[in-house]
Amino acid sequence: MDVLYFAWVRERIGLPREQVETSAATVADLVEELRAREDRYAAAFADLSALRVALDQELSDFDAPLSGVREVAFFPPMTGG
């Protein structure tokens, strides 16, 4: 699946997107797999309350299943103005 990173998440990881092979059942499982890769991923996903996730361009939760999902995007909360 495609995993996209935006704003400071992209800056910490150093990539805007990557192709990820995963056996994760949920977004939270995927985050744990990513955290275990390298320190830069651990830093980016250290505080999930500071992150939002979208599955196939629909806002979702970290406990959402990944079955059939083609794209996961991680980004900080948006503010209006």
N, C-alpha and C. Protein backbone atom coordinates (compact mmCIF):
# COMPACT_ATOMS: atom_id res chain seq x y z
N MET A 1 0.84 -1.18 0.00
CA MET A 1 0.00 0.00 0.00
C MET A 1 0.88 1.24 0.00
N ASP A 2 0.31 2.33 -0.46
CA ASP A 2 1.02 3.61 -0.43
C ASP A 2 0.81 4.25 0.93
N VAL A 3 1.89 4.73 1.52
CA VAL A 3 1.81 5.47 2.78
C VAL A 3 2.35 6.86 2.51
N LEU A 4 1.54 7.86 2.81
CA LEU A 4 1.90 9.26 2.57
C LEU A 4 2.11 9.97 3.89
N TYR A 5 3.09 10.89 3.90
CA TYR A 5 3.41 11.67 5.09
C TYR A 5 3.34 13.15 4.73
N PHE A 6 2.71 13.93 5.60
CA PHE A 6 2.55 15.36 5.35
C PHE A 6 3.11 16.19 6.49
N ALA A 7 3.51 17.43 6.17
CA ALA A 7 3.97 18.44 7.14
C ALA A 7 5.15 17.91 7.96
N TRP A 8 5.12 18.08 9.27
CA TRP A 8 6.26 17.69 10.10
C TRP A 8 6.47 16.18 10.13
N VAL A 9 5.44 15.40 9.83
CA VAL A 9 5.61 13.94 9.77
C VAL A 9 6.59 13.62 8.62
N ARG A 10 6.37 14.24 7.47
CA ARG A 10 7.25 14.06 6.32
C ARG A 10 8.67 14.52 6.66
N GLU A 11 8.78 15.65 7.36
CA GLU A 11 10.10 16.18 7.72
C GLU A 11 10.86 15.23 8.64
N ARG A 12 10.18 14.64 9.60
CA ARG A 12 10.86 13.72 10.53
C ARG A 12 11.27 12.42 9.85
N ILE A 13 10.42 11.91 8.97
CA ILE A 13 10.72 10.64 8.30
C ILE A 13 11.66 10.86 7.11
N GLY A 14 11.52 12.00 6.46
CA GLY A 14 12.40 12.31 5.34
C GLY A 14 11.89 11.83 3.99
N LEU A 15 10.64 11.42 3.95
CA LEU A 15 10.01 10.95 2.71
C LEU A 15 8.60 11.51 2.60
N PRO A 16 8.15 11.85 1.39
CA PRO A 16 6.76 12.27 1.23
C PRO A 16 5.81 11.08 1.12
N ARG A 17 6.34 9.94 0.61
CA ARG A 17 5.50 8.75 0.44
C ARG A 17 6.40 7.55 0.25
N GLU A 18 5.85 6.37 0.51
CA GLU A 18 6.57 5.14 0.25
C GLU A 18 5.59 4.00 0.06
N GLN A 19 6.05 2.98 -0.59
CA GLN A 19 5.28 1.76 -0.79
C GLN A 19 5.63 0.83 0.37
N VAL A 20 4.62 0.34 1.09
CA VAL A 20 4.85 -0.47 2.28
C VAL A 20 4.16 -1.82 2.12
N GLU A 21 4.92 -2.88 2.34
CA GLU A 21 4.35 -4.23 2.43
C GLU A 21 4.08 -4.47 3.91
N THR A 22 2.86 -4.82 4.25
CA THR A 22 2.52 -4.97 5.66
C THR A 22 1.52 -6.10 5.87
N SER A 23 1.58 -6.69 7.04
CA SER A 23 0.58 -7.67 7.46
C SER A 23 -0.31 -7.08 8.55
N ALA A 24 -0.18 -5.76 8.75
CA ALA A 24 -0.95 -5.07 9.80
C ALA A 24 -2.46 -5.17 9.53
N ALA A 25 -3.20 -5.43 10.59
CA ALA A 25 -4.65 -5.53 10.47
C ALA A 25 -5.33 -4.16 10.63
N THR A 26 -4.71 -3.28 11.42
CA THR A 26 -5.28 -1.96 11.68
C THR A 26 -4.23 -0.88 11.46
N VAL A 27 -4.67 0.36 11.45
CA VAL A 27 -3.74 1.48 11.34
C VAL A 27 -2.77 1.46 12.51
N ALA A 28 -3.25 1.19 13.71
CA ALA A 28 -2.38 1.15 14.88
C ALA A 28 -1.29 0.08 14.72
N ASP A 29 -1.65 -1.06 14.14
CA ASP A 29 -0.66 -2.11 13.88
C ASP A 29 0.40 -1.63 12.88
N LEU A 30 -0.04 -0.92 11.86
CA LEU A 30 0.88 -0.37 10.87
C LEU A 30 1.83 0.63 11.52
N VAL A 31 1.30 1.47 12.39
CA VAL A 31 2.14 2.45 13.10
C VAL A 31 3.20 1.72 13.92
N GLU A 32 2.83 0.64 14.58
CA GLU A 32 3.81 -0.12 15.38
C GLU A 32 4.90 -0.70 14.48
N GLU A 33 4.52 -1.20 13.31
CA GLU A 33 5.52 -1.72 12.36
C GLU A 33 6.46 -0.61 11.92
N LEU A 34 5.90 0.56 11.61
CA LEU A 34 6.72 1.68 11.16
C LEU A 34 7.65 2.17 12.27
N ARG A 35 7.12 2.28 13.49
CA ARG A 35 7.93 2.72 14.64
C ARG A 35 9.16 1.83 14.83
N ALA A 36 8.98 0.54 14.58
CA ALA A 36 10.05 -0.43 14.81
C ALA A 36 11.15 -0.36 13.74
N ARG A 37 10.89 0.32 12.63
CA ARG A 37 11.87 0.38 11.52
C ARG A 37 13.14 1.12 11.90
N GLU A 38 12.98 2.38 12.32
CA GLU A 38 14.13 3.25 12.59
C GLU A 38 13.70 4.33 13.57
N ASP A 39 14.70 5.02 14.13
CA ASP A 39 14.42 6.09 15.09
C ASP A 39 13.59 7.21 14.47
N ARG A 40 13.81 7.51 13.21
CA ARG A 40 13.06 8.61 12.58
C ARG A 40 11.56 8.31 12.54
N TYR A 41 11.20 7.05 12.35
CA TYR A 41 9.78 6.67 12.37
C TYR A 41 9.25 6.73 13.81
N ALA A 42 10.05 6.25 14.73
CA ALA A 42 9.66 6.30 16.14
C ALA A 42 9.40 7.73 16.57
N ALA A 43 10.24 8.66 16.11
CA ALA A 43 10.05 10.08 16.45
C ALA A 43 8.78 10.63 15.82
N ALA A 44 8.52 10.26 14.57
CA ALA A 44 7.35 10.78 13.88
C ALA A 44 6.05 10.28 14.51
N PHE A 45 6.07 9.05 15.01
CA PHE A 45 4.85 8.45 15.56
C PHE A 45 4.87 8.37 17.09
N ALA A 46 5.68 9.19 17.73
CA ALA A 46 5.81 9.15 19.19
C ALA A 46 4.52 9.55 19.91
N ASP A 47 3.79 10.50 19.35
CA ASP A 47 2.58 11.02 20.00
C ASP A 47 1.41 10.95 19.02
N LEU A 48 0.65 9.86 19.07
CA LEU A 48 -0.46 9.69 18.11
C LEU A 48 -1.57 10.71 18.31
N SER A 49 -1.64 11.31 19.49
CA SER A 49 -2.69 12.33 19.69
C SER A 49 -2.41 13.57 18.85
N ALA A 50 -1.16 13.70 18.35
CA ALA A 50 -0.78 14.84 17.50
C ALA A 50 -0.90 14.49 16.02
N LEU A 51 -1.50 13.34 15.71
CA LEU A 51 -1.61 12.89 14.33
C LEU A 51 -3.04 12.56 13.94
N ARG A 52 -3.31 12.69 12.67
CA ARG A 52 -4.57 12.24 12.07
C ARG A 52 -4.21 11.27 10.97
N VAL A 53 -5.18 10.45 10.59
CA VAL A 53 -4.95 9.46 9.54
C VAL A 53 -6.13 9.46 8.58
N ALA A 54 -5.84 9.26 7.32
CA ALA A 54 -6.87 9.11 6.30
C ALA A 54 -6.59 7.82 5.55
N LEU A 55 -7.66 7.06 5.31
CA LEU A 55 -7.57 5.83 4.53
C LEU A 55 -8.29 6.06 3.21
N ASP A 56 -7.58 5.91 2.11
CA ASP A 56 -8.13 6.18 0.78
C ASP A 56 -8.84 7.53 0.75
N GLN A 57 -8.19 8.54 1.33
CA GLN A 57 -8.61 9.94 1.35
C GLN A 57 -9.86 10.21 2.17
N GLU A 58 -10.16 9.31 3.12
CA GLU A 58 -11.27 9.51 4.06
C GLU A 58 -10.71 9.52 5.47
N LEU A 59 -11.02 10.56 6.26
CA LEU A 59 -10.55 10.60 7.65
C LEU A 59 -10.97 9.33 8.37
N SER A 60 -10.09 8.84 9.21
CA SER A 60 -10.35 7.58 9.89
C SER A 60 -9.73 7.61 11.28
N ASP A 61 -9.79 6.46 11.95
CA ASP A 61 -9.23 6.31 13.29
C ASP A 61 -8.08 5.31 13.26
N PHE A 62 -7.27 5.33 14.30
CA PHE A 62 -6.14 4.43 14.36
C PHE A 62 -6.55 2.98 14.59
N ASP A 63 -7.77 2.74 15.02
CA ASP A 63 -8.23 1.35 15.19
C ASP A 63 -8.96 0.83 13.95
N ALA A 64 -8.98 1.60 12.87
CA ALA A 64 -9.65 1.20 11.63
C ALA A 64 -8.92 0.05 10.95
N PRO A 65 -9.66 -0.88 10.37
CA PRO A 65 -9.03 -1.99 9.66
C PRO A 65 -8.39 -1.53 8.34
N LEU A 66 -7.33 -2.22 7.93
CA LEU A 66 -6.63 -1.88 6.70
C LEU A 66 -7.02 -2.76 5.52
N SER A 67 -7.89 -3.71 5.74
CA SER A 67 -8.29 -4.63 4.68
C SER A 67 -8.86 -3.86 3.48
N GLY A 68 -8.26 -4.05 2.32
CA GLY A 68 -8.72 -3.41 1.10
C GLY A 68 -8.26 -1.98 0.91
N VAL A 69 -7.54 -1.42 1.88
CA VAL A 69 -7.08 -0.03 1.79
C VAL A 69 -5.88 0.05 0.85
N ARG A 70 -5.88 1.04 -0.03
CA ARG A 70 -4.77 1.24 -0.97
C ARG A 70 -3.83 2.35 -0.55
N GLU A 71 -4.35 3.32 0.24
CA GLU A 71 -3.53 4.48 0.61
C GLU A 71 -3.81 4.89 2.06
N VAL A 72 -2.73 5.09 2.80
CA VAL A 72 -2.81 5.58 4.18
C VAL A 72 -2.01 6.88 4.23
N ALA A 73 -2.62 7.92 4.77
CA ALA A 73 -1.95 9.21 4.88
C ALA A 73 -1.91 9.65 6.35
N PHE A 74 -0.74 10.09 6.78
CA PHE A 74 -0.56 10.60 8.14
C PHE A 74 -0.25 12.08 8.08
N PHE A 75 -0.90 12.87 8.94
CA PHE A 75 -0.72 14.32 8.92
C PHE A 75 -1.13 14.90 10.27
N PRO A 76 -0.62 16.10 10.61
CA PRO A 76 -1.05 16.75 11.85
C PRO A 76 -2.46 17.30 11.68
N PRO A 77 -3.14 17.55 12.80
CA PRO A 77 -4.49 18.13 12.71
C PRO A 77 -4.48 19.44 11.93
N MET A 78 -5.50 19.65 11.18
CA MET A 78 -5.62 20.88 10.40
C MET A 78 -6.37 21.93 11.23
N THR A 79 -5.98 23.17 11.03
CA THR A 79 -6.71 24.26 11.68
C THR A 79 -7.22 25.19 10.60
N GLY A 80 -8.36 25.74 10.85
CA GLY A 80 -8.94 26.68 9.89
C GLY A 80 -8.50 28.10 10.19
N GLY A 81 -8.82 28.99 9.27
CA GLY A 81 -8.41 30.34 9.60
C GLY A 81 -8.72 31.32 8.50
